[in-house]
């Protein structure tokens, strides 16, 4: 499974959204805009969409 990351617009750091799935399932999903995520880098809420997502292999697998 892959973790879904987005880039914090304030710090530029990649942050984990709390979602994990394979890229094919994510792309097939009809949802375009995801729930906001609280950023551990700047402590603000960030809205994000599919086009913002990047994938990372889950280090716990």
PDB file of N, CA and C in Angstrom:
ATOM      1  N   UNK A   1       0.852  -1.174   0.000  1.00  0.00           N
ATOM      2  CA  UNK A   1       0.000   0.000   0.000  1.00  0.00           C
ATOM      3  C   UNK A   1       0.902   1.242   0.000  1.00  0.00           C
ATOM      4  N   UNK A   2       0.436   2.281  -0.644  1.00  0.00           N
ATOM      5  CA  UNK A   2       1.181   3.538  -0.713  1.00  0.00           C
ATOM      6  C   UNK A   2       0.506   4.607   0.130  1.00  0.00           C
ATOM      7  N   UNK A   3       1.314   5.394   0.791  1.00  0.00           N
ATOM      8  CA  UNK A   3       0.803   6.532   1.551  1.00  0.00           C
ATOM      9  C   UNK A   3       0.642   7.712   0.602  1.00  0.00           C
ATOM     10  N   UNK A   4      -0.417   8.491   0.802  1.00  0.00           N
ATOM     11  CA  UNK A   4      -0.655   9.662  -0.035  1.00  0.00           C
ATOM     12  C   UNK A   4      -0.109  10.889   0.689  1.00  0.00           C
ATOM     13  N   UNK A   5       0.772  11.607   0.005  1.00  0.00           N
ATOM     14  CA  UNK A   5       1.412  12.797   0.545  1.00  0.00           C
ATOM     15  C   UNK A   5       1.011  14.023  -0.266  1.00  0.00           C
ATOM     16  N   UNK A   6       1.052  15.182   0.396  1.00  0.00           N
ATOM     17  CA  UNK A   6       0.909  16.463  -0.292  1.00  0.00           C
ATOM     18  C   UNK A   6       2.014  17.383   0.209  1.00  0.00           C
ATOM     19  N   UNK A   7       2.271  18.437  -0.533  1.00  0.00           N
ATOM     20  CA  UNK A   7       3.300  19.396  -0.132  1.00  0.00           C
ATOM     21  C   UNK A   7       2.653  20.529   0.660  1.00  0.00           C
ATOM     22  N   UNK A   8       3.200  20.817   1.842  1.00  0.00           N
ATOM     23  CA  UNK A   8       2.734  21.940   2.646  1.00  0.00           C
ATOM     24  C   UNK A   8       3.045  23.227   1.873  1.00  0.00           C
ATOM     25  N   UNK A   9       2.028  24.061   1.614  1.00  0.00           N
ATOM     26  CA  UNK A   9       2.275  25.289   0.863  1.00  0.00           C
ATOM     27  C   UNK A   9       3.079  26.327   1.646  1.00  0.00           C
ATOM     28  N   UNK A  10       3.159  26.164   2.955  1.00  0.00           N
ATOM     29  CA  UNK A  10       3.889  27.130   3.782  1.00  0.00           C
ATOM     30  C   UNK A  10       5.350  26.761   3.989  1.00  0.00           C
ATOM     31  N   UNK A  11       5.637  25.458   4.111  1.00  0.00           N
ATOM     32  CA  UNK A  11       7.015  25.035   4.398  1.00  0.00           C
ATOM     33  C   UNK A  11       7.675  24.299   3.236  1.00  0.00           C
ATOM     34  N   UNK A  12       6.861  23.797   2.311  1.00  0.00           N
ATOM     35  CA  UNK A  12       7.395  23.012   1.202  1.00  0.00           C
ATOM     36  C   UNK A  12       7.674  21.562   1.565  1.00  0.00           C
ATOM     37  N   UNK A  13       7.418  21.172   2.810  1.00  0.00           N
ATOM     38  CA  UNK A  13       7.650  19.788   3.242  1.00  0.00           C
ATOM     39  C   UNK A  13       6.513  18.887   2.771  1.00  0.00           C
ATOM     40  N   UNK A  14       6.861  17.643   2.458  1.00  0.00           N
ATOM     41  CA  UNK A  14       5.856  16.653   2.096  1.00  0.00           C
ATOM     42  C   UNK A  14       5.244  16.107   3.383  1.00  0.00           C
ATOM     43  N   UNK A  15       3.911  16.067   3.445  1.00  0.00           N
ATOM     44  CA  UNK A  15       3.217  15.599   4.644  1.00  0.00           C
ATOM     45  C   UNK A  15       2.259  14.464   4.285  1.00  0.00           C
ATOM     46  N   UNK A  16       2.077  13.557   5.223  1.00  0.00           N
ATOM     47  CA  UNK A  16       1.176  12.416   5.062  1.00  0.00           C
ATOM     48  C   UNK A  16      -0.253  12.880   5.302  1.00  0.00           C
ATOM     49  N   UNK A  17      -1.164  12.523   4.401  1.00  0.00           N
ATOM     50  CA  UNK A  17      -2.560  12.950   4.501  1.00  0.00           C
ATOM     51  C   UNK A  17      -3.405  12.079   5.425  1.00  0.00           C
ATOM     52  N   UNK A  18      -2.881  10.914   5.789  1.00  0.00           N
ATOM     53  CA  UNK A  18      -3.665   9.968   6.571  1.00  0.00           C
ATOM     54  C   UNK A  18      -4.340   8.921   5.703  1.00  0.00           C
ATOM     55  N   UNK A  19      -4.212   9.058   4.380  1.00  0.00           N
ATOM     56  CA  UNK A  19      -4.789   8.106   3.436  1.00  0.00           C
ATOM     57  C   UNK A  19      -3.703   7.217   2.848  1.00  0.00           C
ATOM     58  N   UNK A  20      -4.054   5.945   2.635  1.00  0.00           N
ATOM     59  CA  UNK A  20      -3.159   4.991   1.972  1.00  0.00           C
ATOM     60  C   UNK A  20      -3.965   4.174   0.981  1.00  0.00           C
ATOM     61  N   UNK A  21      -3.462   4.051  -0.223  1.00  0.00           N
ATOM     62  CA  UNK A  21      -4.063   3.187  -1.244  1.00  0.00           C
ATOM     63  C   UNK A  21      -3.133   3.131  -2.442  1.00  0.00           C
ATOM     64  N   UNK A  22      -3.415   2.215  -3.341  1.00  0.00           N
ATOM     65  CA  UNK A  22      -2.568   2.137  -4.526  1.00  0.00           C
ATOM     66  C   UNK A  22      -2.980   3.245  -5.503  1.00  0.00           C
ATOM     67  N   UNK A  23      -2.052   3.738  -6.317  1.00  0.00           N
ATOM     68  CA  UNK A  23      -2.340   4.847  -7.230  1.00  0.00           C
ATOM     69  C   UNK A  23      -3.492   4.567  -8.205  1.00  0.00           C
ATOM     70  N   UNK A  24      -3.635   3.330  -8.663  1.00  0.00           N
ATOM     71  CA  UNK A  24      -4.703   2.997  -9.606  1.00  0.00           C
ATOM     72  C   UNK A  24      -6.086   3.159  -8.968  1.00  0.00           C
ATOM     73  N   UNK A  25      -6.233   2.696  -7.732  1.00  0.00           N
ATOM     74  CA  UNK A  25      -7.503   2.845  -7.018  1.00  0.00           C
ATOM     75  C   UNK A  25      -7.794   4.314  -6.773  1.00  0.00           C
ATOM     76  N   UNK A  26      -6.779   5.071  -6.379  1.00  0.00           N
ATOM     77  CA  UNK A  26      -6.939   6.496  -6.121  1.00  0.00           C
ATOM     78  C   UNK A  26      -7.396   7.221  -7.386  1.00  0.00           C
ATOM     79  N   UNK A  27      -6.754   6.955  -8.515  1.00  0.00           N
ATOM     80  CA  UNK A  27      -7.105   7.616  -9.775  1.00  0.00           C
ATOM     81  C   UNK A  27      -8.511   7.237 -10.235  1.00  0.00           C
ATOM     82  N   UNK A  28      -8.934   6.016  -9.958  1.00  0.00           N
ATOM     83  CA  UNK A  28     -10.268   5.562 -10.355  1.00  0.00           C
ATOM     84  C   UNK A  28     -11.371   6.129  -9.464  1.00  0.00           C
ATOM     85  N   UNK A  29     -11.010   6.644  -8.307  1.00  0.00           N
ATOM     86  CA  UNK A  29     -11.981   7.197  -7.372  1.00  0.00           C
ATOM     87  C   UNK A  29     -12.654   8.432  -7.978  1.00  0.00           C
ATOM     88  N   UNK A  30     -13.985   8.547  -7.829  1.00  0.00           N
ATOM     89  CA  UNK A  30     -14.682   9.706  -8.381  1.00  0.00           C
ATOM     90  C   UNK A  30     -14.471  10.987  -7.568  1.00  0.00           C
ATOM     91  N   UNK A  31     -13.891  10.873  -6.401  1.00  0.00           N
ATOM     92  CA  UNK A  31     -13.677  12.041  -5.538  1.00  0.00           C
ATOM     93  C   UNK A  31     -12.527  12.874  -6.094  1.00  0.00           C
ATOM     94  N   UNK A  32     -12.756  14.165  -6.291  1.00  0.00           N
ATOM     95  CA  UNK A  32     -11.712  15.052  -6.804  1.00  0.00           C
ATOM     96  C   UNK A  32     -11.056  15.863  -5.691  1.00  0.00           C
ATOM     97  N   UNK A  33     -11.876  16.356  -4.745  1.00  0.00           N
ATOM     98  CA  UNK A  33     -11.336  17.152  -3.641  1.00  0.00           C
ATOM     99  C   UNK A  33     -11.471  16.354  -2.355  1.00  0.00           C
ATOM    100  N   UNK A  34     -10.377  16.270  -1.610  1.00  0.00           N
ATOM    101  CA  UNK A  34     -10.345  15.453  -0.408  1.00  0.00           C
ATOM    102  C   UNK A  34     -10.584  16.316   0.831  1.00  0.00           C
ATOM    103  N   UNK A  35     -10.841  15.659   1.968  1.00  0.00           N
ATOM    104  CA  UNK A  35     -11.022  16.381   3.224  1.00  0.00           C
ATOM    105  C   UNK A  35      -9.744  17.122   3.583  1.00  0.00           C
ATOM    106  N   UNK A  36      -9.876  18.309   4.196  1.00  0.00           N
ATOM    107  CA  UNK A  36      -8.674  19.031   4.632  1.00  0.00           C
ATOM    108  C   UNK A  36      -7.884  18.195   5.636  1.00  0.00           C
ATOM    109  N   UNK A  37      -6.584  18.424   5.662  1.00  0.00           N
ATOM    110  CA  UNK A  37      -5.702  17.693   6.560  1.00  0.00           C
ATOM    111  C   UNK A  37      -4.954  18.699   7.435  1.00  0.00           C
ATOM    112  N   UNK A  38      -4.804  18.366   8.734  1.00  0.00           N
ATOM    113  CA  UNK A  38      -4.018  19.224   9.619  1.00  0.00           C
ATOM    114  C   UNK A  38      -2.544  18.930   9.376  1.00  0.00           C
ATOM    115  N   UNK A  39      -1.800  19.961   9.082  1.00  0.00           N
ATOM    116  CA  UNK A  39      -0.398  19.825   8.707  1.00  0.00           C
ATOM    117  C   UNK A  39       0.508  19.761   9.937  1.00  0.00           C
ATOM    118  N   UNK A  40       1.316  18.699  10.050  1.00  0.00           N
ATOM    119  CA  UNK A  40       2.256  18.614  11.165  1.00  0.00           C
ATOM    120  C   UNK A  40       3.443  19.569  11.005  1.00  0.00           C
ATOM    121  N   UNK A  41       3.645  20.092   9.805  1.00  0.00           N
ATOM    122  CA  UNK A  41       4.777  20.994   9.561  1.00  0.00           C
ATOM    123  C   UNK A  41       4.474  22.432   9.986  1.00  0.00           C
ATOM    124  N   UNK A  42       3.249  22.915   9.693  1.00  0.00           N
ATOM    125  CA  UNK A  42       2.929  24.319  10.017  1.00  0.00           C
ATOM    126  C   UNK A  42       1.694  24.451  10.912  1.00  0.00           C
ATOM    127  N   UNK A  43       1.039  23.340  11.219  1.00  0.00           N
ATOM    128  CA  UNK A  43      -0.110  23.278  12.130  1.00  0.00           C
ATOM    129  C   UNK A  43      -1.342  24.008  11.605  1.00  0.00           C
ATOM    130  N   UNK A  44      -1.450  24.156  10.303  1.00  0.00           N
ATOM    131  CA  UNK A  44      -2.642  24.728   9.690  1.00  0.00           C
ATOM    132  C   UNK A  44      -3.374  23.634   8.925  1.00  0.00           C
ATOM    133  N   UNK A  45      -4.627  23.909   8.577  1.00  0.00           N
ATOM    134  CA  UNK A  45      -5.411  22.973   7.774  1.00  0.00           C
ATOM    135  C   UNK A  45      -5.156  23.271   6.303  1.00  0.00           C
ATOM    136  N   UNK A  46      -4.956  22.211   5.511  1.00  0.00           N
ATOM    137  CA  UNK A  46      -4.740  22.373   4.076  1.00  0.00           C
ATOM    138  C   UNK A  46      -5.801  21.592   3.309  1.00  0.00           C
ATOM    139  N   UNK A  47      -6.430  22.269   2.352  1.00  0.00           N
ATOM    140  CA  UNK A  47      -7.330  21.604   1.415  1.00  0.00           C
ATOM    141  C   UNK A  47      -6.460  21.027   0.310  1.00  0.00           C
ATOM    142  N   UNK A  48      -6.850  19.889  -0.225  1.00  0.00           N
ATOM    143  CA  UNK A  48      -6.063  19.285  -1.295  1.00  0.00           C
ATOM    144  C   UNK A  48      -6.952  18.495  -2.228  1.00  0.00           C
ATOM    145  N   UNK A  49      -6.443  18.239  -3.407  1.00  0.00           N
ATOM    146  CA  UNK A  49      -7.191  17.498  -4.415  1.00  0.00           C
ATOM    147  C   UNK A  49      -6.308  16.406  -5.007  1.00  0.00           C
ATOM    148  N   UNK A  50      -6.878  15.621  -5.894  1.00  0.00           N
ATOM    149  CA  UNK A  50      -6.130  14.526  -6.520  1.00  0.00           C
ATOM    150  C   UNK A  50      -4.848  15.016  -7.175  1.00  0.00           C
ATOM    151  N   UNK A  51      -4.907  16.166  -7.830  1.00  0.00           N
ATOM    152  CA  UNK A  51      -3.724  16.642  -8.565  1.00  0.00           C
ATOM    153  C   UNK A  51      -2.570  17.015  -7.638  1.00  0.00           C
ATOM    154  N   UNK A  52      -2.850  17.218  -6.339  1.00  0.00           N
ATOM    155  CA  UNK A  52      -1.804  17.559  -5.369  1.00  0.00           C
ATOM    156  C   UNK A  52      -1.087  16.327  -4.819  1.00  0.00           C
ATOM    157  N   UNK A  53      -1.670  15.155  -5.007  1.00  0.00           N
ATOM    158  CA  UNK A  53      -1.189  13.931  -4.354  1.00  0.00           C
ATOM    159  C   UNK A  53       0.091  13.375  -4.969  1.00  0.00           C
ATOM    160  N   UNK A  54       0.937  12.868  -4.079  1.00  0.00           N
ATOM    161  CA  UNK A  54       2.131  12.110  -4.454  1.00  0.00           C
ATOM    162  C   UNK A  54       2.086  10.827  -3.632  1.00  0.00           C
ATOM    163  N   UNK A  55       2.717   9.784  -4.117  1.00  0.00           N
ATOM    164  CA  UNK A  55       2.669   8.495  -3.430  1.00  0.00           C
ATOM    165  C   UNK A  55       4.034   8.102  -2.895  1.00  0.00           C
ATOM    166  N   UNK A  56       3.995   7.471  -1.713  1.00  0.00           N
ATOM    167  CA  UNK A  56       5.214   6.984  -1.069  1.00  0.00           C
ATOM    168  C   UNK A  56       4.908   5.596  -0.532  1.00  0.00           C
ATOM    169  N   UNK A  57       5.834   4.679  -0.698  1.00  0.00           N
ATOM    170  CA  UNK A  57       5.665   3.332  -0.146  1.00  0.00           C
ATOM    171  C   UNK A  57       5.582   3.431   1.372  1.00  0.00           C
ATOM    172  N   UNK A  58       4.615   2.767   1.975  1.00  0.00           N
ATOM    173  CA  UNK A  58       4.448   2.788   3.429  1.00  0.00           C
ATOM    174  C   UNK A  58       5.660   2.138   4.082  1.00  0.00           C
ATOM    175  N   UNK A  59       6.403   2.880   4.920  1.00  0.00           N
ATOM    176  CA  UNK A  59       7.605   2.322   5.547  1.00  0.00           C
ATOM    177  C   UNK A  59       7.317   1.211   6.555  1.00  0.00           C
ATOM    178  N   UNK A  60       6.063   1.067   6.982  1.00  0.00           N
ATOM    179  CA  UNK A  60       5.705   0.041   7.961  1.00  0.00           C
ATOM    180  C   UNK A  60       5.339  -1.289   7.319  1.00  0.00           C
ATOM    181  N   UNK A  61       5.385  -1.368   6.006  1.00  0.00           N
ATOM    182  CA  UNK A  61       5.041  -2.633   5.338  1.00  0.00           C
ATOM    183  C   UNK A  61       6.268  -3.470   5.099  1.00  0.00           C
TER     184      UNK A  61
END
